[in-house]
Amino acid sequence: MTDTQITHGTVNVFADLGLSDPAERQTKTRLAFALNRIIKDRALKQLDAARLLGVPQPKVSALVNYRLDGFSVEKLMDFIVALGRDVEIVVRVPRGDAPARVIVSEAA
């Protein structure tokens, strides 16, 4: 029997993997997840989504496949607004001893 070692990660997999800009990568991924949910819920084809977002269809393909290097956080928020959803930014003091961070969550 071999010894198995388990390493517990943090709340940010990008930091755990040692990637650059882990907070930004996590924020972009969560925004893209919200966008992809909206696109799926509205049953939009990539070409239709591209028209609504004002980008070429290959950009929507990149978004759907989470290839996010070509998108800024601001642009992803603009896309959410273009699809008829509000983006709300709340600045607050972290709870307890938690470090300050960017949190992206979807409201029902």
C-alpha atoms as a PDB file:
ATOM      1  CA  MET A   1       0.000   0.000   0.000  1.00  0.00           C
ATOM      2  CA  THR A   2       1.372   3.441  -0.883  1.00  0.00           C
ATOM      3  CA  ASP A   3       1.103   6.520   1.256  1.00  0.00           C
ATOM      4  CA  THR A   4      -1.292   9.083  -0.116  1.00  0.00           C
ATOM      5  CA  GLN A   5      -0.716  12.679   0.710  1.00  0.00           C
ATOM      6  CA  ILE A   6      -3.601  15.116   0.442  1.00  0.00           C
ATOM      7  CA  THR A   7      -2.932  18.801   0.054  1.00  0.00           C
ATOM      8  CA  HIS A   8      -5.851  21.060   0.821  1.00  0.00           C
ATOM      9  CA  GLY A   9      -6.222  24.019  -1.486  1.00  0.00           C
ATOM     10  CA  THR A  10      -7.257  27.572  -0.832  1.00  0.00           C
ATOM     11  CA  VAL A  11     -10.369  29.326  -2.143  1.00  0.00           C
ATOM     12  CA  ASN A  12      -8.476  30.207  -5.328  1.00  0.00           C
ATOM     13  CA  VAL A  13      -7.337  27.332  -7.529  1.00  0.00           C
ATOM     14  CA  PHE A  14      -5.301  29.741  -9.685  1.00  0.00           C
ATOM     15  CA  ALA A  15      -3.220  30.706  -6.651  1.00  0.00           C
ATOM     16  CA  ASP A  16      -2.874  27.036  -5.727  1.00  0.00           C
ATOM     17  CA  LEU A  17      -1.484  26.356  -9.203  1.00  0.00           C
ATOM     18  CA  GLY A  18       0.989  29.236  -8.890  1.00  0.00           C
ATOM     19  CA  LEU A  19      -0.440  31.141 -11.850  1.00  0.00           C
ATOM     20  CA  SER A  20       0.075  34.873 -12.245  1.00  0.00           C
ATOM     21  CA  ASP A  21      -2.760  37.243 -11.257  1.00  0.00           C
ATOM     22  CA  PRO A  22      -4.822  34.567  -9.490  1.00  0.00           C
ATOM     23  CA  ALA A  23      -7.447  37.000  -8.151  1.00  0.00           C
ATOM     24  CA  GLU A  24      -8.076  38.446 -11.609  1.00  0.00           C
ATOM     25  CA  ARG A  25      -8.231  34.981 -13.177  1.00  0.00           C
ATOM     26  CA  GLN A  26     -10.757  33.848 -10.588  1.00  0.00           C
ATOM     27  CA  THR A  27     -12.885  36.979 -11.075  1.00  0.00           C
ATOM     28  CA  LYS A  28     -12.849  36.548 -14.856  1.00  0.00           C
ATOM     29  CA  THR A  29     -13.772  32.879 -14.558  1.00  0.00           C
ATOM     30  CA  ARG A  30     -16.715  33.601 -12.279  1.00  0.00           C
ATOM     31  CA  LEU A  31     -17.948  36.382 -14.568  1.00  0.00           C
ATOM     32  CA  ALA A  32     -17.596  34.058 -17.569  1.00  0.00           C
ATOM     33  CA  PHE A  33     -19.518  31.379 -15.684  1.00  0.00           C
ATOM     34  CA  ALA A  34     -22.360  33.860 -15.130  1.00  0.00           C
ATOM     35  CA  LEU A  35     -22.259  34.887 -18.798  1.00  0.00           C
ATOM     36  CA  ASN A  36     -22.312  31.306 -19.990  1.00  0.00           C
ATOM     37  CA  ARG A  37     -25.266  30.559 -17.735  1.00  0.00           C
ATOM     38  CA  ILE A  38     -27.187  33.510 -19.226  1.00  0.00           C
ATOM     39  CA  ILE A  39     -26.327  32.402 -22.774  1.00  0.00           C
ATOM     40  CA  LYS A  40     -27.440  28.851 -21.996  1.00  0.00           C
ATOM     41  CA  ASP A  41     -30.628  29.908 -20.175  1.00  0.00           C
ATOM     42  CA  ARG A  42     -31.604  32.092 -23.131  1.00  0.00           C
ATOM     43  CA  ALA A  43     -30.694  29.273 -25.560  1.00  0.00           C
ATOM     44  CA  LEU A  44     -28.577  31.693 -27.583  1.00  0.00           C
ATOM     45  CA  LYS A  45     -26.473  30.353 -30.405  1.00  0.00           C
ATOM     46  CA  GLN A  46     -22.946  31.752 -30.472  1.00  0.00           C
ATOM     47  CA  LEU A  47     -23.710  33.942 -33.484  1.00  0.00           C
ATOM     48  CA  ASP A  48     -26.774  35.422 -31.754  1.00  0.00           C
ATOM     49  CA  ALA A  49     -24.780  36.035 -28.575  1.00  0.00           C
ATOM     50  CA  ALA A  50     -22.030  37.674 -30.647  1.00  0.00           C
ATOM     51  CA  ARG A  51     -24.537  40.101 -32.167  1.00  0.00           C
ATOM     52  CA  LEU A  52     -25.902  41.017 -28.733  1.00  0.00           C
ATOM     53  CA  LEU A  53     -22.405  41.482 -27.312  1.00  0.00           C
ATOM     54  CA  GLY A  54     -21.071  43.349 -30.325  1.00  0.00           C
ATOM     55  CA  VAL A  55     -18.161  40.977 -30.914  1.00  0.00           C
ATOM     56  CA  PRO A  56     -17.268  38.426 -33.605  1.00  0.00           C
ATOM     57  CA  GLN A  57     -18.474  34.858 -33.050  1.00  0.00           C
ATOM     58  CA  PRO A  58     -14.941  33.519 -32.357  1.00  0.00           C
ATOM     59  CA  LYS A  59     -14.835  35.780 -29.264  1.00  0.00           C
ATOM     60  CA  VAL A  60     -18.014  34.111 -27.981  1.00  0.00           C
ATOM     61  CA  SER A  61     -16.438  30.717 -28.670  1.00  0.00           C
ATOM     62  CA  ALA A  62     -13.424  31.757 -26.575  1.00  0.00           C
ATOM     63  CA  LEU A  63     -15.751  32.938 -23.797  1.00  0.00           C
ATOM     64  CA  VAL A  64     -17.819  29.747 -23.840  1.00  0.00           C
ATOM     65  CA  ASN A  65     -14.616  27.710 -23.618  1.00  0.00           C
ATOM     66  CA  TYR A  66     -13.195  29.879 -20.795  1.00  0.00           C
ATOM     67  CA  ARG A  67     -10.263  31.133 -22.871  1.00  0.00           C
ATOM     68  CA  LEU A  68     -10.359  34.482 -21.109  1.00  0.00           C
ATOM     69  CA  ASP A  69      -6.957  36.054 -21.735  1.00  0.00           C
ATOM     70  CA  GLY A  70      -8.451  38.362 -24.380  1.00  0.00           C
ATOM     71  CA  PHE A  71     -11.093  39.773 -22.015  1.00  0.00           C
ATOM     72  CA  SER A  72     -10.822  42.284 -19.200  1.00  0.00           C
ATOM     73  CA  VAL A  73     -12.964  42.103 -16.073  1.00  0.00           C
ATOM     74  CA  GLU A  74     -14.629  45.323 -17.215  1.00  0.00           C
ATOM     75  CA  LYS A  75     -15.467  43.890 -20.664  1.00  0.00           C
ATOM     76  CA  LEU A  76     -16.983  40.761 -19.100  1.00  0.00           C
ATOM     77  CA  MET A  77     -19.161  42.970 -16.891  1.00  0.00           C
ATOM     78  CA  ASP A  78     -20.172  44.980 -19.983  1.00  0.00           C
ATOM     79  CA  PHE A  79     -21.237  41.717 -21.643  1.00  0.00           C
ATOM     80  CA  ILE A  80     -23.423  40.813 -18.666  1.00  0.00           C
ATOM     81  CA  VAL A  81     -25.122  44.209 -18.908  1.00  0.00           C
ATOM     82  CA  ALA A  82     -25.543  43.764 -22.680  1.00  0.00           C
ATOM     83  CA  LEU A  83     -27.431  40.540 -21.937  1.00  0.00           C
ATOM     84  CA  GLY A  84     -29.858  42.437 -19.708  1.00  0.00           C
ATOM     85  CA  ARG A  85     -28.463  41.714 -16.260  1.00  0.00           C
ATOM     86  CA  ASP A  86     -27.293  44.160 -13.615  1.00  0.00           C
ATOM     87  CA  VAL A  87     -23.768  44.068 -12.261  1.00  0.00           C
ATOM     88  CA  GLU A  88     -23.573  45.373  -8.713  1.00  0.00           C
ATOM     89  CA  ILE A  89     -20.288  46.171  -7.018  1.00  0.00           C
ATOM     90  CA  VAL A  90     -20.321  46.351  -3.235  1.00  0.00           C
ATOM     91  CA  VAL A  91     -17.329  47.527  -1.227  1.00  0.00           C
ATOM     92  CA  ARG A  92     -17.316  46.272   2.353  1.00  0.00           C
ATOM     93  CA  VAL A  93     -15.064  45.357   5.242  1.00  0.00           C
ATOM     94  CA  PRO A  94     -14.093  41.653   5.250  1.00  0.00           C
ATOM     95  CA  ARG A  95     -15.726  39.461   7.875  1.00  0.00           C
ATOM     96  CA  GLY A  96     -13.650  38.465  10.850  1.00  0.00           C
ATOM     97  CA  ASP A  97     -10.027  37.699  10.031  1.00  0.00           C
ATOM     98  CA  ALA A  98     -10.704  37.025   6.351  1.00  0.00           C
ATOM     99  CA  PRO A  99      -8.423  38.795   3.890  1.00  0.00           C
ATOM    100  CA  ALA A 100      -9.941  41.312   1.497  1.00  0.00           C
ATOM    101  CA  ARG A 101     -10.852  39.801  -1.882  1.00  0.00           C
ATOM    102  CA  VAL A 102     -13.050  40.155  -4.929  1.00  0.00           C
ATOM    103  CA  ILE A 103     -16.205  38.044  -4.778  1.00  0.00           C
ATOM    104  CA  VAL A 104     -18.438  37.378  -7.774  1.00  0.00           C
ATOM    105  CA  SER A 105     -21.808  35.826  -7.002  1.00  0.00           C
ATOM    106  CA  GLU A 106     -25.043  35.446  -8.901  1.00  0.00           C
ATOM    107  CA  ALA A 107     -28.334  36.568  -7.447  1.00  0.00           C
ATOM    108  CA  ALA A 108     -31.390  34.456  -8.016  1.00  0.00           C
END
